[in-house]
């Protein structure tokens, strides 16, 4: 305990904890922004999607290029693989994560280097439109692939 003057006389002091003497620490730097936490969630998404993409890509490379040779990978190999909902989900997840991860990186580059608001809105619109188109095309390919279609078509 530290002796702190009470202010009523020089001889009168009270016992107060050491923390009572300290003045509050002023805030330094910018104020905390209010509003959306989009950038924070974008930052977290970048890290999580990056880790998942590493795992998915390594698994893909090992299965498609290490365990199986180029001679073994053909239409029948993909058809057999996509008969399983697991592998369809695996490939679709890799597609979605890669697309959104790349889109997020491109969005950050646009925000960093495109200063005029009109051009930035245009660039974001092009990015999002392209990503949505590729996501739709890729999803249609994964979801509607029919492994039996080649057999019925005379393959």
N, C-alpha and C. Protein backbone atom coordinates (compact mmCIF):
# COMPACT_ATOMS: atom_id res chain seq x y z
N UNK A 1 0.83 -1.18 0.00
CA UNK A 1 0.00 0.00 0.00
C UNK A 1 0.88 1.24 0.00
N UNK A 2 0.40 2.26 -0.68
CA UNK A 2 1.11 3.53 -0.78
C UNK A 2 0.28 4.58 -0.05
N UNK A 3 0.95 5.47 0.64
CA UNK A 3 0.27 6.56 1.34
C UNK A 3 -0.08 7.64 0.32
N UNK A 4 -1.38 7.94 0.18
CA UNK A 4 -1.85 8.94 -0.77
C UNK A 4 -2.49 10.06 0.02
N UNK A 5 -2.11 11.34 -0.24
CA UNK A 5 -2.74 12.45 0.48
C UNK A 5 -4.23 12.51 0.17
N UNK A 6 -5.01 12.86 1.21
CA UNK A 6 -6.46 12.97 1.03
C UNK A 6 -6.87 14.36 0.63
N UNK A 7 -6.01 15.34 0.78
CA UNK A 7 -6.34 16.69 0.35
C UNK A 7 -6.87 17.57 1.46
N UNK A 8 -7.17 17.06 2.65
CA UNK A 8 -7.71 17.90 3.71
C UNK A 8 -6.62 18.47 4.60
N UNK A 9 -5.42 18.01 4.48
CA UNK A 9 -4.33 18.54 5.28
C UNK A 9 -3.07 17.78 4.98
N UNK A 10 -1.89 18.39 5.27
CA UNK A 10 -0.65 17.73 4.92
C UNK A 10 -0.37 16.49 5.74
N UNK A 11 -0.97 16.40 6.92
CA UNK A 11 -0.70 15.26 7.78
C UNK A 11 -1.68 14.11 7.57
N UNK A 12 -2.73 14.37 6.83
CA UNK A 12 -3.76 13.34 6.68
C UNK A 12 -3.55 12.60 5.35
N UNK A 13 -3.30 11.33 5.47
CA UNK A 13 -3.12 10.48 4.30
C UNK A 13 -3.96 9.23 4.48
N UNK A 14 -4.30 8.59 3.39
CA UNK A 14 -5.04 7.33 3.47
C UNK A 14 -4.27 6.27 2.70
N UNK A 15 -4.50 5.06 3.09
CA UNK A 15 -3.85 3.95 2.41
C UNK A 15 -4.66 3.60 1.17
N UNK A 16 -4.03 3.65 0.02
CA UNK A 16 -4.71 3.33 -1.24
C UNK A 16 -3.81 2.40 -2.05
N UNK A 17 -4.40 1.57 -2.84
CA UNK A 17 -3.58 0.68 -3.66
C UNK A 17 -2.76 1.50 -4.66
N UNK A 18 -1.65 0.93 -5.11
CA UNK A 18 -0.75 1.60 -6.03
C UNK A 18 -1.47 2.00 -7.33
N UNK A 19 -2.42 1.20 -7.77
CA UNK A 19 -3.12 1.50 -9.01
C UNK A 19 -3.98 2.74 -8.91
N UNK A 20 -4.30 3.19 -7.70
CA UNK A 20 -5.13 4.38 -7.54
C UNK A 20 -4.37 5.63 -7.93
N UNK A 21 -3.04 5.60 -7.92
CA UNK A 21 -2.25 6.78 -8.26
C UNK A 21 -2.13 6.99 -9.76
N UNK A 22 -2.32 5.98 -10.53
CA UNK A 22 -2.08 6.06 -11.96
C UNK A 22 -3.23 6.76 -12.67
N UNK A 23 -2.84 7.59 -13.60
CA UNK A 23 -3.84 8.25 -14.44
C UNK A 23 -4.26 7.28 -15.54
N UNK A 24 -5.46 7.42 -16.06
CA UNK A 24 -5.88 6.53 -17.14
C UNK A 24 -4.98 6.71 -18.36
N UNK A 25 -4.73 5.62 -19.03
CA UNK A 25 -3.87 5.63 -20.21
C UNK A 25 -4.68 6.15 -21.39
N UNK A 26 -4.18 7.21 -22.05
CA UNK A 26 -4.94 7.75 -23.19
C UNK A 26 -4.87 6.79 -24.37
N UNK A 27 -5.93 6.79 -25.17
CA UNK A 27 -5.96 5.96 -26.38
C UNK A 27 -5.04 6.57 -27.42
N UNK A 28 -4.29 5.72 -28.08
CA UNK A 28 -3.35 6.18 -29.09
C UNK A 28 -3.78 5.59 -30.43
N UNK A 29 -3.63 6.38 -31.48
CA UNK A 29 -3.93 5.86 -32.81
C UNK A 29 -5.35 6.16 -33.23
N UNK A 30 -5.79 5.40 -34.22
CA UNK A 30 -7.12 5.61 -34.78
C UNK A 30 -8.20 5.09 -33.87
N UNK A 31 -9.37 5.63 -34.04
CA UNK A 31 -10.54 5.10 -33.35
C UNK A 31 -10.93 3.79 -34.03
N UNK A 32 -11.54 2.93 -33.27
CA UNK A 32 -12.00 1.66 -33.82
C UNK A 32 -13.12 1.95 -34.82
N UNK A 33 -13.00 1.40 -36.05
CA UNK A 33 -14.03 1.68 -37.05
C UNK A 33 -15.36 1.05 -36.67
N UNK A 34 -16.41 1.75 -37.01
CA UNK A 34 -17.75 1.22 -36.77
C UNK A 34 -18.29 0.69 -38.09
N UNK A 35 -19.30 -0.14 -37.99
CA UNK A 35 -19.92 -0.66 -39.20
C UNK A 35 -19.62 -2.12 -39.42
N UNK A 36 -19.52 -2.48 -40.69
CA UNK A 36 -19.37 -3.88 -41.09
C UNK A 36 -17.99 -4.43 -40.72
N UNK A 37 -17.96 -5.71 -40.42
CA UNK A 37 -16.71 -6.41 -40.17
C UNK A 37 -16.29 -7.22 -41.39
N UNK A 38 -16.68 -6.79 -42.58
CA UNK A 38 -16.42 -7.55 -43.80
C UNK A 38 -14.93 -7.81 -43.99
N UNK A 39 -14.10 -6.79 -43.79
CA UNK A 39 -12.66 -6.96 -44.00
C UNK A 39 -12.07 -7.96 -43.01
N UNK A 40 -12.56 -7.96 -41.78
CA UNK A 40 -12.08 -8.92 -40.78
C UNK A 40 -12.44 -10.34 -41.21
N UNK A 41 -13.69 -10.54 -41.61
CA UNK A 41 -14.11 -11.86 -42.05
C UNK A 41 -13.39 -12.27 -43.33
N UNK A 42 -13.12 -11.31 -44.20
CA UNK A 42 -12.36 -11.58 -45.42
C UNK A 42 -10.96 -12.06 -45.07
N UNK A 43 -10.35 -11.42 -44.08
CA UNK A 43 -9.01 -11.80 -43.63
C UNK A 43 -9.03 -13.23 -43.08
N UNK A 44 -10.01 -13.54 -42.24
CA UNK A 44 -10.12 -14.90 -41.70
C UNK A 44 -10.37 -15.91 -42.82
N UNK A 45 -11.26 -15.56 -43.75
CA UNK A 45 -11.56 -16.47 -44.86
C UNK A 45 -10.29 -16.77 -45.66
N UNK A 46 -9.47 -15.75 -45.89
CA UNK A 46 -8.23 -15.94 -46.63
C UNK A 46 -7.36 -17.00 -45.97
N UNK A 47 -7.24 -16.93 -44.66
CA UNK A 47 -6.38 -17.87 -43.94
C UNK A 47 -6.96 -19.28 -43.94
N UNK A 48 -8.24 -19.39 -43.65
CA UNK A 48 -8.88 -20.71 -43.58
C UNK A 48 -8.94 -21.35 -44.97
N UNK A 49 -9.36 -20.58 -45.97
CA UNK A 49 -9.44 -21.15 -47.32
C UNK A 49 -8.06 -21.53 -47.84
N UNK A 50 -7.05 -20.75 -47.50
CA UNK A 50 -5.70 -21.09 -47.92
C UNK A 50 -5.24 -22.42 -47.34
N UNK A 51 -5.50 -22.62 -46.05
CA UNK A 51 -5.12 -23.90 -45.42
C UNK A 51 -5.89 -25.07 -46.02
N UNK A 52 -7.20 -24.89 -46.21
CA UNK A 52 -8.00 -25.95 -46.81
C UNK A 52 -7.56 -26.24 -48.24
N UNK A 53 -7.25 -25.20 -48.99
CA UNK A 53 -6.79 -25.40 -50.36
C UNK A 53 -5.47 -26.16 -50.42
N UNK A 54 -4.59 -25.90 -49.47
CA UNK A 54 -3.33 -26.66 -49.43
C UNK A 54 -3.63 -28.14 -49.24
N UNK A 55 -4.50 -28.46 -48.29
CA UNK A 55 -4.85 -29.87 -48.04
C UNK A 55 -5.55 -30.49 -49.25
N UNK A 56 -6.51 -29.78 -49.82
CA UNK A 56 -7.24 -30.31 -50.97
C UNK A 56 -6.32 -30.48 -52.18
N UNK A 57 -5.47 -29.51 -52.43
CA UNK A 57 -4.58 -29.58 -53.60
C UNK A 57 -3.55 -30.70 -53.45
N UNK A 58 -3.00 -30.85 -52.26
CA UNK A 58 -2.03 -31.94 -52.04
C UNK A 58 -2.71 -33.29 -52.23
N UNK A 59 -3.91 -33.44 -51.68
CA UNK A 59 -4.66 -34.69 -51.87
C UNK A 59 -4.93 -34.93 -53.35
N UNK A 60 -5.35 -33.89 -54.06
CA UNK A 60 -5.63 -34.01 -55.49
C UNK A 60 -4.38 -34.43 -56.26
N UNK A 61 -3.25 -33.79 -55.99
CA UNK A 61 -2.01 -34.11 -56.70
C UNK A 61 -1.57 -35.53 -56.40
N UNK A 62 -1.65 -35.94 -55.15
CA UNK A 62 -1.23 -37.30 -54.79
C UNK A 62 -2.10 -38.34 -55.50
N UNK A 63 -3.41 -38.15 -55.49
CA UNK A 63 -4.31 -39.14 -56.09
C UNK A 63 -4.23 -39.12 -57.61
N UNK A 64 -4.21 -37.93 -58.19
CA UNK A 64 -4.29 -37.83 -59.64
C UNK A 64 -2.94 -37.95 -60.35
N UNK A 65 -1.83 -37.69 -59.65
CA UNK A 65 -0.54 -37.64 -60.35
C UNK A 65 0.55 -38.50 -59.73
N UNK A 66 0.36 -38.94 -58.49
CA UNK A 66 1.38 -39.77 -57.85
C UNK A 66 0.92 -41.23 -57.81
N UNK A 67 -0.26 -41.45 -57.24
CA UNK A 67 -0.79 -42.82 -57.13
C UNK A 67 -1.18 -43.36 -58.50
N UNK A 68 -1.85 -42.55 -59.29
CA UNK A 68 -2.29 -42.96 -60.63
C UNK A 68 -1.41 -42.27 -61.67
N UNK A 69 -1.07 -43.01 -62.71
CA UNK A 69 -0.25 -42.43 -63.77
C UNK A 69 -1.15 -41.76 -64.80
N UNK A 70 -0.53 -41.04 -65.69
CA UNK A 70 -1.27 -40.35 -66.75
C UNK A 70 -2.01 -41.35 -67.64
N UNK A 71 -1.44 -42.53 -67.81
CA UNK A 71 -2.07 -43.55 -68.66
C UNK A 71 -3.38 -44.07 -68.06
N UNK A 72 -3.52 -44.00 -66.74
CA UNK A 72 -4.72 -44.53 -66.07
C UNK A 72 -5.85 -43.51 -66.00
N UNK A 73 -5.54 -42.23 -66.13
CA UNK A 73 -6.56 -41.20 -65.96
C UNK A 73 -7.21 -40.93 -67.31
N UNK A 74 -8.46 -41.35 -67.43
CA UNK A 74 -9.24 -41.11 -68.63
C UNK A 74 -10.69 -40.87 -68.21
N UNK A 75 -11.59 -40.88 -69.18
CA UNK A 75 -12.99 -40.63 -68.88
C UNK A 75 -13.53 -41.64 -67.87
N UNK A 76 -13.21 -42.90 -68.06
CA UNK A 76 -13.71 -43.94 -67.15
C UNK A 76 -13.21 -43.73 -65.72
N UNK A 77 -11.96 -43.29 -65.58
CA UNK A 77 -11.41 -43.02 -64.26
C UNK A 77 -12.21 -41.92 -63.56
N UNK A 78 -12.45 -40.83 -64.29
CA UNK A 78 -13.21 -39.71 -63.71
C UNK A 78 -14.65 -40.13 -63.45
N UNK A 79 -15.24 -40.89 -64.36
CA UNK A 79 -16.62 -41.35 -64.16
C UNK A 79 -16.73 -42.23 -62.92
N UNK A 80 -15.78 -43.15 -62.75
CA UNK A 80 -15.79 -43.99 -61.54
C UNK A 80 -15.59 -43.15 -60.28
N UNK A 81 -14.71 -42.20 -60.38
CA UNK A 81 -14.44 -41.34 -59.22
C UNK A 81 -15.67 -40.51 -58.86
N UNK A 82 -16.33 -39.95 -59.87
CA UNK A 82 -17.49 -39.09 -59.60
C UNK A 82 -18.77 -39.87 -59.36
N UNK A 83 -18.72 -41.18 -59.37
CA UNK A 83 -19.87 -41.97 -58.92
C UNK A 83 -20.06 -41.81 -57.42
N UNK A 84 -19.01 -41.43 -56.73
CA UNK A 84 -19.06 -41.23 -55.28
C UNK A 84 -19.40 -39.77 -54.97
N UNK A 85 -20.42 -39.54 -54.14
CA UNK A 85 -20.74 -38.16 -53.74
C UNK A 85 -19.58 -37.48 -53.01
N UNK A 86 -18.75 -38.27 -52.34
CA UNK A 86 -17.60 -37.69 -51.62
C UNK A 86 -16.66 -36.98 -52.58
N UNK A 87 -16.32 -37.64 -53.71
CA UNK A 87 -15.37 -37.04 -54.64
C UNK A 87 -15.98 -35.86 -55.39
N UNK A 88 -17.26 -35.93 -55.65
CA UNK A 88 -17.92 -34.76 -56.26
C UNK A 88 -17.87 -33.57 -55.31
N UNK A 89 -18.18 -33.82 -54.03
CA UNK A 89 -18.13 -32.75 -53.03
C UNK A 89 -16.69 -32.24 -52.86
N UNK A 90 -15.74 -33.15 -52.86
CA UNK A 90 -14.32 -32.78 -52.75
C UNK A 90 -13.92 -31.83 -53.88
N UNK A 91 -14.22 -32.22 -55.11
CA UNK A 91 -13.85 -31.39 -56.26
C UNK A 91 -14.62 -30.08 -56.29
N UNK A 92 -15.90 -30.11 -55.91
CA UNK A 92 -16.69 -28.88 -55.88
C UNK A 92 -16.16 -27.93 -54.80
N UNK A 93 -15.80 -28.47 -53.64
CA UNK A 93 -15.25 -27.63 -52.57
C UNK A 93 -13.93 -27.00 -53.01
N UNK A 94 -13.10 -27.77 -53.70
CA UNK A 94 -11.84 -27.22 -54.19
C UNK A 94 -12.11 -26.11 -55.21
N UNK A 95 -13.08 -26.31 -56.08
CA UNK A 95 -13.46 -25.30 -57.06
C UNK A 95 -13.93 -24.02 -56.38
N UNK A 96 -14.86 -24.15 -55.43
CA UNK A 96 -15.44 -22.98 -54.76
C UNK A 96 -14.38 -22.24 -53.96
N UNK A 97 -13.59 -22.97 -53.19
CA UNK A 97 -12.57 -22.30 -52.37
C UNK A 97 -11.52 -21.61 -53.23
N UNK A 98 -11.07 -22.27 -54.30
CA UNK A 98 -10.07 -21.65 -55.17
C UNK A 98 -10.63 -20.40 -55.84
N UNK A 99 -11.87 -20.47 -56.28
CA UNK A 99 -12.49 -19.33 -56.94
C UNK A 99 -12.66 -18.16 -55.98
N UNK A 100 -13.20 -18.42 -54.79
CA UNK A 100 -13.42 -17.35 -53.83
C UNK A 100 -12.11 -16.82 -53.25
N UNK A 101 -11.14 -17.69 -53.05
CA UNK A 101 -9.83 -17.26 -52.56
C UNK A 101 -9.16 -16.32 -53.58
N UNK A 102 -9.20 -16.72 -54.83
CA UNK A 102 -8.65 -15.86 -55.88
C UNK A 102 -9.41 -14.56 -56.04
N UNK A 103 -10.74 -14.64 -55.95
CA UNK A 103 -11.56 -13.44 -56.03
C UNK A 103 -11.23 -12.48 -54.90
N UNK A 104 -11.06 -13.01 -53.70
CA UNK A 104 -10.74 -12.16 -52.55
C UNK A 104 -9.38 -11.48 -52.75
N UNK A 105 -8.40 -12.21 -53.25
CA UNK A 105 -7.10 -11.61 -53.52
C UNK A 105 -7.18 -10.54 -54.59
N UNK A 106 -7.92 -10.80 -55.65
CA UNK A 106 -8.09 -9.80 -56.71
C UNK A 106 -8.84 -8.58 -56.19
N UNK A 107 -9.83 -8.80 -55.33
CA UNK A 107 -10.58 -7.68 -54.74
C UNK A 107 -9.67 -6.79 -53.91
N UNK A 108 -8.78 -7.41 -53.15
CA UNK A 108 -7.84 -6.63 -52.33
C UNK A 108 -6.88 -5.85 -53.24
N UNK A 109 -6.42 -6.47 -54.33
CA UNK A 109 -5.54 -5.77 -55.27
C UNK A 109 -6.26 -4.58 -55.90
N UNK A 110 -7.52 -4.76 -56.26
CA UNK A 110 -8.30 -3.65 -56.82
C UNK A 110 -8.44 -2.54 -55.79
N UNK A 111 -8.75 -2.89 -54.55
CA UNK A 111 -8.90 -1.87 -53.50
C UNK A 111 -7.59 -1.12 -53.26
N UNK A 112 -6.46 -1.81 -53.39
CA UNK A 112 -5.16 -1.19 -53.15
C UNK A 112 -4.71 -0.28 -54.29
N UNK A 113 -5.01 -0.65 -55.53
CA UNK A 113 -4.41 0.05 -56.67
C UNK A 113 -5.37 0.87 -57.51
N UNK A 114 -6.66 0.64 -57.42
CA UNK A 114 -7.61 1.41 -58.22
C UNK A 114 -8.21 2.48 -57.32
N UNK A 115 -7.80 3.72 -57.55
CA UNK A 115 -8.22 4.82 -56.67
C UNK A 115 -9.59 5.41 -57.03
N UNK A 116 -9.85 5.75 -58.30
CA UNK A 116 -11.15 6.38 -58.60
C UNK A 116 -12.31 5.43 -58.28
N UNK A 117 -13.29 5.96 -57.58
CA UNK A 117 -14.42 5.13 -57.12
C UNK A 117 -15.15 4.45 -58.27
N UNK A 118 -15.36 5.15 -59.35
CA UNK A 118 -16.08 4.57 -60.49
C UNK A 118 -15.36 3.37 -61.09
N UNK A 119 -14.05 3.50 -61.26
CA UNK A 119 -13.26 2.38 -61.79
C UNK A 119 -13.23 1.21 -60.81
N UNK A 120 -13.18 1.53 -59.52
CA UNK A 120 -13.16 0.46 -58.52
C UNK A 120 -14.48 -0.31 -58.54
N UNK A 121 -15.59 0.40 -58.64
CA UNK A 121 -16.90 -0.26 -58.73
C UNK A 121 -16.97 -1.11 -60.00
N UNK A 122 -16.47 -0.58 -61.10
CA UNK A 122 -16.45 -1.33 -62.36
C UNK A 122 -15.61 -2.61 -62.22
N UNK A 123 -14.41 -2.48 -61.65
CA UNK A 123 -13.53 -3.64 -61.48
C UNK A 123 -14.15 -4.68 -60.56
N UNK A 124 -14.77 -4.23 -59.48
CA UNK A 124 -15.44 -5.18 -58.57
C UNK A 124 -16.59 -5.88 -59.28
N UNK A 125 -17.33 -5.14 -60.09
CA UNK A 125 -18.45 -5.74 -60.83
C UNK A 125 -17.95 -6.81 -61.80
N UNK A 126 -16.86 -6.51 -62.50
CA UNK A 126 -16.29 -7.49 -63.43
C UNK A 126 -15.81 -8.73 -62.67
N UNK A 127 -15.13 -8.51 -61.54
CA UNK A 127 -14.64 -9.64 -60.73
C UNK A 127 -15.79 -10.52 -60.26
N UNK A 128 -16.79 -9.91 -59.65
CA UNK A 128 -17.91 -10.69 -59.11
C UNK A 128 -18.69 -11.39 -60.22
N UNK A 129 -18.91 -10.70 -61.34
CA UNK A 129 -19.64 -11.31 -62.46
C UNK A 129 -18.88 -12.52 -63.01
N UNK A 130 -17.58 -12.36 -63.20
CA UNK A 130 -16.76 -13.46 -63.70
C UNK A 130 -16.76 -14.63 -62.73
N UNK A 131 -16.62 -14.33 -61.44
CA UNK A 131 -16.61 -15.40 -60.43
C UNK A 131 -17.94 -16.14 -60.40
N UNK A 132 -19.04 -15.42 -60.48
CA UNK A 132 -20.36 -16.06 -60.45
C UNK A 132 -20.55 -16.93 -61.69
N UNK A 133 -20.13 -16.43 -62.85
CA UNK A 133 -20.27 -17.22 -64.09
C UNK A 133 -19.46 -18.52 -63.99
N UNK A 134 -18.21 -18.42 -63.55
CA UNK A 134 -17.38 -19.62 -63.43
C UNK A 134 -17.88 -20.56 -62.35
N UNK A 135 -18.42 -20.01 -61.27
CA UNK A 135 -18.99 -20.85 -60.21
C UNK A 135 -20.20 -21.61 -60.73
N UNK A 136 -21.04 -20.96 -61.51
CA UNK A 136 -22.22 -21.63 -62.08
C UNK A 136 -21.78 -22.72 -63.07
N UNK A 137 -20.86 -22.39 -63.96
CA UNK A 137 -20.40 -23.37 -64.95
C UNK A 137 -19.75 -24.57 -64.26
N UNK A 138 -18.88 -24.32 -63.29
CA UNK A 138 -18.22 -25.41 -62.58
C UNK A 138 -19.19 -26.26 -61.78
N UNK A 139 -20.14 -25.60 -61.13
CA UNK A 139 -21.14 -26.34 -60.33
C UNK A 139 -22.02 -27.20 -61.22
N UNK A 140 -22.40 -26.66 -62.38
CA UNK A 140 -23.21 -27.45 -63.31
C UNK A 140 -22.43 -28.68 -63.77
N UNK A 141 -21.15 -28.51 -64.06
CA UNK A 141 -20.33 -29.64 -64.51
C UNK A 141 -20.24 -30.72 -63.43
N UNK A 142 -20.04 -30.31 -62.18
CA UNK A 142 -19.88 -31.28 -61.10
C UNK A 142 -21.22 -31.94 -60.76
N UNK A 143 -22.28 -31.15 -60.70
CA UNK A 143 -23.58 -31.68 -60.25
C UNK A 143 -24.27 -32.51 -61.32
N UNK A 144 -24.21 -32.08 -62.57
CA UNK A 144 -24.99 -32.76 -63.61
C UNK A 144 -24.21 -33.82 -64.37
N UNK A 145 -22.96 -34.04 -64.03
CA UNK A 145 -22.17 -35.06 -64.74
C UNK A 145 -22.84 -36.42 -64.57
N UNK A 146 -23.08 -37.08 -65.70
CA UNK A 146 -23.73 -38.39 -65.69
C UNK A 146 -22.74 -39.41 -66.24
N UNK A 147 -22.18 -40.25 -65.36
CA UNK A 147 -21.17 -41.21 -65.82
C UNK A 147 -21.74 -42.25 -66.78
N UNK A 148 -23.04 -42.46 -66.76
CA UNK A 148 -23.65 -43.46 -67.63
C UNK A 148 -23.98 -42.90 -69.01
N UNK A 149 -23.86 -41.60 -69.20
CA UNK A 149 -24.23 -40.99 -70.48
C UNK A 149 -23.33 -41.46 -71.61
N UNK A 150 -22.06 -41.64 -71.35
CA UNK A 150 -21.14 -42.09 -72.40
C UNK A 150 -21.44 -43.52 -72.81
N UNK A 151 -21.89 -44.33 -71.87
CA UNK A 151 -22.22 -45.72 -72.18
C UNK A 151 -23.45 -45.77 -73.08
N UNK A 152 -24.45 -44.95 -72.78
CA UNK A 152 -25.68 -44.96 -73.58
C UNK A 152 -25.47 -44.26 -74.91
N UNK A 153 -24.46 -43.38 -75.01
CA UNK A 153 -24.21 -42.67 -76.26
C UNK A 153 -23.36 -43.50 -77.22
N UNK A 154 -22.99 -44.69 -76.82
CA UNK A 154 -22.25 -45.58 -77.71
C UNK A 154 -20.76 -45.58 -77.47
N UNK A 155 -20.32 -45.09 -76.40
CA UNK A 155 -18.89 -45.08 -76.10
C UNK A 155 -18.41 -46.45 -75.77
